[in-house]
Amino acid sequence: MQPTGVQNVKKGTTAVDAVRMVNGRTRLKGYILSGEGTTNNGYAKFYNGTGNGDPLLLEAFLGAYSYLQGNALVNIPGNGILFDSGIYVEMTADVVLCVSIIFQGGAAA
């Protein structure tokens, strides 16, 4: 099966931004992190649910790409990562410019 959706979230004005990206049962098939910071500590955390109190299923670091203002594209092999309660993403807004996800199932929030 092919991925059924792409969802983007861009940085806001706070030090850490967070948003619900997908509602319902879904599989994360890949993601793109775009950096714009001057440090190497950019990250995105992917939670199974509606907030950062829910189970953390994936923590992705942008590393040197943060500093170089580059992108990191990661394809998740096989069936991807199952999020049975939706995908909630938290990112360092002062370092990560944008998070894009490729998902199968669920519905864009």
N, C-alpha and C. Protein backbone atom coordinates (compact mmCIF):
# COMPACT_ATOMS: atom_id res chain seq x y z
N MET A 1 0.82 -1.18 0.00
CA MET A 1 0.00 0.00 0.00
C MET A 1 0.86 1.25 0.00
N GLN A 2 0.41 2.25 -0.68
CA GLN A 2 1.14 3.52 -0.73
C GLN A 2 0.68 4.43 0.42
N PRO A 3 1.55 5.32 0.87
CA PRO A 3 1.12 6.30 1.88
C PRO A 3 -0.07 7.10 1.38
N THR A 4 -0.95 7.46 2.28
CA THR A 4 -2.17 8.15 1.88
C THR A 4 -2.17 9.64 2.17
N GLY A 5 -1.18 10.14 2.84
CA GLY A 5 -1.23 11.56 3.16
C GLY A 5 0.12 12.14 3.52
N VAL A 6 0.20 13.44 3.37
CA VAL A 6 1.36 14.21 3.77
C VAL A 6 0.85 15.37 4.59
N GLN A 7 1.49 15.65 5.71
CA GLN A 7 1.07 16.74 6.59
C GLN A 7 2.30 17.53 6.99
N ASN A 8 2.20 18.84 7.03
CA ASN A 8 3.31 19.72 7.39
C ASN A 8 2.95 20.55 8.62
N VAL A 9 3.95 20.86 9.41
CA VAL A 9 3.79 21.82 10.49
C VAL A 9 5.02 22.72 10.49
N LYS A 10 4.79 24.02 10.53
CA LYS A 10 5.89 24.99 10.53
C LYS A 10 6.05 25.58 11.91
N LYS A 11 7.23 26.12 12.14
CA LYS A 11 7.52 26.66 13.46
C LYS A 11 6.64 27.86 13.79
N GLY A 12 6.44 28.04 15.08
CA GLY A 12 5.72 29.20 15.56
C GLY A 12 6.68 30.16 16.22
N THR A 13 6.24 30.79 17.29
CA THR A 13 7.06 31.80 17.92
C THR A 13 7.60 31.37 19.28
N THR A 14 7.25 30.17 19.74
CA THR A 14 7.72 29.73 21.05
C THR A 14 8.97 28.88 20.90
N ALA A 15 9.65 28.63 22.02
CA ALA A 15 10.89 27.83 21.99
C ALA A 15 10.61 26.39 21.59
N VAL A 16 9.46 25.87 21.98
CA VAL A 16 9.06 24.52 21.58
C VAL A 16 7.65 24.60 21.04
N ASP A 17 7.45 24.12 19.83
CA ASP A 17 6.13 24.06 19.24
C ASP A 17 5.64 22.63 19.25
N ALA A 18 4.34 22.45 19.37
CA ALA A 18 3.76 21.12 19.37
C ALA A 18 2.39 21.20 18.71
N VAL A 19 2.05 20.13 18.00
CA VAL A 19 0.77 20.12 17.30
C VAL A 19 0.35 18.69 17.03
N ARG A 20 -0.96 18.48 17.02
CA ARG A 20 -1.50 17.19 16.60
C ARG A 20 -1.52 17.19 15.08
N MET A 21 -0.85 16.23 14.46
CA MET A 21 -0.73 16.21 13.01
C MET A 21 -1.72 15.26 12.35
N VAL A 22 -2.02 14.14 13.01
CA VAL A 22 -2.91 13.13 12.41
C VAL A 22 -3.86 12.63 13.48
N ASN A 23 -5.13 12.47 13.12
CA ASN A 23 -6.13 11.90 14.01
C ASN A 23 -6.34 10.44 13.66
N GLY A 24 -6.56 9.62 14.68
CA GLY A 24 -6.90 8.22 14.47
C GLY A 24 -5.71 7.32 14.21
N ARG A 25 -6.03 6.06 14.03
CA ARG A 25 -5.01 5.02 13.79
C ARG A 25 -4.29 5.27 12.48
N THR A 26 -2.97 5.32 12.55
CA THR A 26 -2.17 5.62 11.37
C THR A 26 -0.78 5.01 11.49
N ARG A 27 -0.10 4.91 10.37
CA ARG A 27 1.28 4.45 10.35
C ARG A 27 2.16 5.56 9.81
N LEU A 28 3.20 5.89 10.57
CA LEU A 28 4.18 6.87 10.12
C LEU A 28 5.14 6.16 9.18
N LYS A 29 5.19 6.61 7.91
CA LYS A 29 6.01 5.98 6.89
C LYS A 29 7.32 6.72 6.63
N GLY A 30 7.37 7.99 7.02
CA GLY A 30 8.58 8.77 6.84
C GLY A 30 8.39 10.19 7.33
N TYR A 31 9.48 10.92 7.42
CA TYR A 31 9.41 12.32 7.84
C TYR A 31 10.56 13.12 7.25
N ILE A 32 10.35 14.43 7.20
CA ILE A 32 11.37 15.37 6.76
C ILE A 32 11.49 16.44 7.83
N LEU A 33 12.71 16.68 8.30
CA LEU A 33 12.97 17.78 9.24
C LEU A 33 13.80 18.82 8.51
N SER A 34 13.38 20.06 8.59
CA SER A 34 14.12 21.16 7.97
C SER A 34 14.66 22.07 9.06
N GLY A 35 15.97 22.31 9.04
CA GLY A 35 16.60 23.11 10.08
C GLY A 35 16.86 24.53 9.65
N GLU A 36 16.98 25.40 10.65
CA GLU A 36 17.33 26.79 10.37
C GLU A 36 18.12 27.40 11.52
N GLY A 37 18.51 26.60 12.46
CA GLY A 37 19.13 27.13 13.66
C GLY A 37 20.64 27.30 13.56
N THR A 38 21.21 27.70 14.67
CA THR A 38 22.66 27.88 14.74
C THR A 38 23.29 26.92 15.74
N THR A 39 22.52 25.93 16.17
CA THR A 39 23.03 24.91 17.08
C THR A 39 22.73 23.54 16.50
N ASN A 40 23.31 22.50 17.12
CA ASN A 40 23.12 21.14 16.64
C ASN A 40 22.08 20.37 17.45
N ASN A 41 21.14 21.05 18.07
CA ASN A 41 20.24 20.34 18.97
C ASN A 41 18.78 20.33 18.50
N GLY A 42 18.54 20.40 17.22
CA GLY A 42 17.17 20.35 16.73
C GLY A 42 16.59 18.95 16.84
N TYR A 43 15.33 18.86 17.25
CA TYR A 43 14.69 17.55 17.38
C TYR A 43 13.20 17.65 17.06
N ALA A 44 12.62 16.51 16.80
CA ALA A 44 11.18 16.36 16.72
C ALA A 44 10.83 15.08 17.48
N LYS A 45 9.80 15.17 18.31
CA LYS A 45 9.33 14.01 19.08
C LYS A 45 7.94 13.65 18.60
N PHE A 46 7.72 12.38 18.35
CA PHE A 46 6.46 11.89 17.82
C PHE A 46 5.76 11.06 18.90
N TYR A 47 4.60 11.54 19.36
CA TYR A 47 3.84 10.88 20.42
C TYR A 47 2.61 10.18 19.86
N ASN A 48 2.23 9.08 20.50
CA ASN A 48 1.04 8.33 20.13
C ASN A 48 -0.14 8.87 20.92
N GLY A 49 -0.86 9.85 20.35
CA GLY A 49 -2.00 10.41 21.06
C GLY A 49 -2.21 11.88 20.77
N THR A 50 -2.62 12.61 21.80
CA THR A 50 -3.02 14.01 21.62
C THR A 50 -2.13 15.01 22.34
N GLY A 51 -1.09 14.54 23.01
CA GLY A 51 -0.23 15.47 23.73
C GLY A 51 1.08 14.82 24.14
N ASN A 52 1.97 15.61 24.74
CA ASN A 52 3.28 15.08 25.11
C ASN A 52 3.26 14.26 26.39
N GLY A 53 2.09 14.05 26.95
CA GLY A 53 1.96 13.13 28.08
C GLY A 53 1.67 11.72 27.62
N ASP A 54 1.42 11.55 26.33
CA ASP A 54 1.16 10.23 25.75
C ASP A 54 2.48 9.54 25.43
N PRO A 55 2.44 8.23 25.10
CA PRO A 55 3.68 7.49 24.84
C PRO A 55 4.51 8.09 23.70
N LEU A 56 5.79 8.26 23.95
CA LEU A 56 6.75 8.74 22.95
C LEU A 56 7.20 7.54 22.13
N LEU A 57 6.92 7.56 20.81
CA LEU A 57 7.28 6.43 19.96
C LEU A 57 8.53 6.68 19.13
N LEU A 58 8.85 7.94 18.87
CA LEU A 58 10.02 8.24 18.06
C LEU A 58 10.56 9.61 18.43
N GLU A 59 11.87 9.68 18.61
CA GLU A 59 12.54 10.96 18.84
C GLU A 59 13.61 11.09 17.76
N ALA A 60 13.49 12.11 16.91
CA ALA A 60 14.39 12.30 15.78
C ALA A 60 15.22 13.56 16.00
N PHE A 61 16.54 13.41 15.88
CA PHE A 61 17.44 14.54 16.03
C PHE A 61 17.93 15.00 14.66
N LEU A 62 17.95 16.30 14.46
CA LEU A 62 18.42 16.86 13.21
C LEU A 62 19.93 16.98 13.19
N GLY A 63 20.56 17.05 14.34
CA GLY A 63 22.01 17.07 14.45
C GLY A 63 22.65 18.22 13.69
N ALA A 64 23.72 17.91 12.97
CA ALA A 64 24.47 18.95 12.25
C ALA A 64 23.62 19.62 11.18
N TYR A 65 22.58 18.94 10.70
CA TYR A 65 21.71 19.57 9.71
C TYR A 65 21.03 20.82 10.29
N SER A 66 20.83 20.84 11.60
CA SER A 66 20.27 22.03 12.25
C SER A 66 21.19 23.21 12.00
N TYR A 67 22.46 23.00 12.28
CA TYR A 67 23.44 24.06 12.16
C TYR A 67 23.65 24.48 10.71
N LEU A 68 23.61 23.51 9.80
CA LEU A 68 23.84 23.79 8.38
C LEU A 68 22.58 24.25 7.66
N GLN A 69 21.49 24.35 8.41
CA GLN A 69 20.19 24.77 7.86
C GLN A 69 19.78 23.86 6.71
N GLY A 70 19.97 22.55 6.92
CA GLY A 70 19.65 21.57 5.89
C GLY A 70 18.42 20.76 6.24
N ASN A 71 18.20 19.71 5.47
CA ASN A 71 17.04 18.84 5.64
C ASN A 71 17.48 17.42 5.92
N ALA A 72 16.67 16.70 6.66
CA ALA A 72 16.89 15.28 6.88
C ALA A 72 15.62 14.56 6.46
N LEU A 73 15.72 13.67 5.48
CA LEU A 73 14.60 12.86 5.00
C LEU A 73 14.82 11.43 5.47
N VAL A 74 13.85 10.89 6.19
CA VAL A 74 13.96 9.52 6.70
C VAL A 74 12.76 8.72 6.26
N ASN A 75 13.01 7.64 5.54
CA ASN A 75 11.96 6.68 5.18
C ASN A 75 11.97 5.59 6.23
N ILE A 76 10.80 5.24 6.75
CA ILE A 76 10.70 4.18 7.75
C ILE A 76 10.34 2.90 7.02
N PRO A 77 11.18 1.87 7.12
CA PRO A 77 10.97 0.65 6.33
C PRO A 77 9.77 -0.18 6.79
N GLY A 78 9.42 -1.15 5.96
CA GLY A 78 8.35 -2.08 6.29
C GLY A 78 7.01 -1.37 6.37
N ASN A 79 6.27 -1.67 7.41
CA ASN A 79 4.94 -1.09 7.61
C ASN A 79 4.97 0.24 8.33
N GLY A 80 6.14 0.78 8.62
CA GLY A 80 6.23 2.04 9.35
C GLY A 80 6.03 1.83 10.84
N ILE A 81 5.75 2.92 11.54
CA ILE A 81 5.51 2.88 12.99
C ILE A 81 4.03 3.10 13.22
N LEU A 82 3.38 2.18 13.94
CA LEU A 82 1.94 2.27 14.19
C LEU A 82 1.66 3.24 15.34
N PHE A 83 0.84 4.22 15.06
CA PHE A 83 0.30 5.15 16.06
C PHE A 83 -1.19 4.87 16.12
N ASP A 84 -1.66 4.20 17.15
CA ASP A 84 -3.07 3.82 17.18
C ASP A 84 -3.99 4.91 17.70
N SER A 85 -3.42 6.01 18.21
CA SER A 85 -4.25 7.11 18.73
C SER A 85 -3.93 8.45 18.08
N GLY A 86 -3.33 8.43 16.91
CA GLY A 86 -2.98 9.67 16.23
C GLY A 86 -1.52 10.04 16.46
N ILE A 87 -1.05 11.05 15.73
CA ILE A 87 0.34 11.50 15.84
C ILE A 87 0.38 12.94 16.34
N TYR A 88 1.06 13.13 17.44
CA TYR A 88 1.29 14.45 18.04
C TYR A 88 2.79 14.72 17.95
N VAL A 89 3.18 15.87 17.41
CA VAL A 89 4.59 16.18 17.20
C VAL A 89 4.99 17.42 17.99
N GLU A 90 6.14 17.32 18.63
CA GLU A 90 6.74 18.43 19.36
C GLU A 90 8.11 18.67 18.75
N MET A 91 8.46 19.94 18.50
CA MET A 91 9.76 20.24 17.89
C MET A 91 10.37 21.47 18.52
N THR A 92 11.70 21.59 18.40
CA THR A 92 12.39 22.78 18.87
C THR A 92 12.21 23.86 17.80
N ALA A 93 11.34 24.79 18.08
CA ALA A 93 10.95 25.78 17.07
C ALA A 93 12.06 26.75 16.73
N ASP A 94 13.00 26.95 17.63
CA ASP A 94 14.09 27.89 17.33
C ASP A 94 15.17 27.25 16.46
N VAL A 95 15.07 25.95 16.21
CA VAL A 95 16.08 25.23 15.43
C VAL A 95 15.44 24.52 14.23
N VAL A 96 14.29 23.89 14.45
CA VAL A 96 13.60 23.16 13.38
C VAL A 96 12.58 24.09 12.74
N LEU A 97 12.71 24.31 11.46
CA LEU A 97 11.81 25.20 10.73
C LEU A 97 10.49 24.51 10.40
N CYS A 98 10.56 23.23 10.00
CA CYS A 98 9.37 22.54 9.52
C CYS A 98 9.52 21.04 9.72
N VAL A 99 8.41 20.38 10.04
CA VAL A 99 8.34 18.93 10.08
C VAL A 99 7.27 18.52 9.09
N SER A 100 7.62 17.63 8.18
CA SER A 100 6.66 17.05 7.25
C SER A 100 6.63 15.56 7.50
N ILE A 101 5.43 14.97 7.50
CA ILE A 101 5.33 13.54 7.70
C ILE A 101 4.59 12.91 6.54
N ILE A 102 4.95 11.66 6.26
CA ILE A 102 4.24 10.85 5.29
C ILE A 102 3.57 9.75 6.11
N PHE A 103 2.25 9.62 5.97
CA PHE A 103 1.53 8.68 6.80
C PHE A 103 0.51 7.89 5.98
N GLN A 104 0.11 6.77 6.55
CA GLN A 104 -0.90 5.91 5.92
C GLN A 104 -2.01 5.67 6.92
N GLY A 105 -3.25 5.90 6.50
CA GLY A 105 -4.39 5.77 7.40
C GLY A 105 -4.64 7.08 8.12
N GLY A 106 -5.56 7.06 9.06
CA GLY A 106 -5.87 8.27 9.82
C GLY A 106 -6.34 9.40 8.93
N ALA A 107 -6.41 10.59 9.50
CA ALA A 107 -6.84 11.78 8.76
C ALA A 107 -6.03 12.97 9.25
N ALA A 108 -5.61 13.82 8.36
CA ALA A 108 -4.85 15.02 8.73
C ALA A 108 -5.65 15.82 9.75
N ALA A 109 -4.98 16.27 10.79
CA ALA A 109 -5.65 17.03 11.87
C ALA A 109 -5.82 18.49 11.46
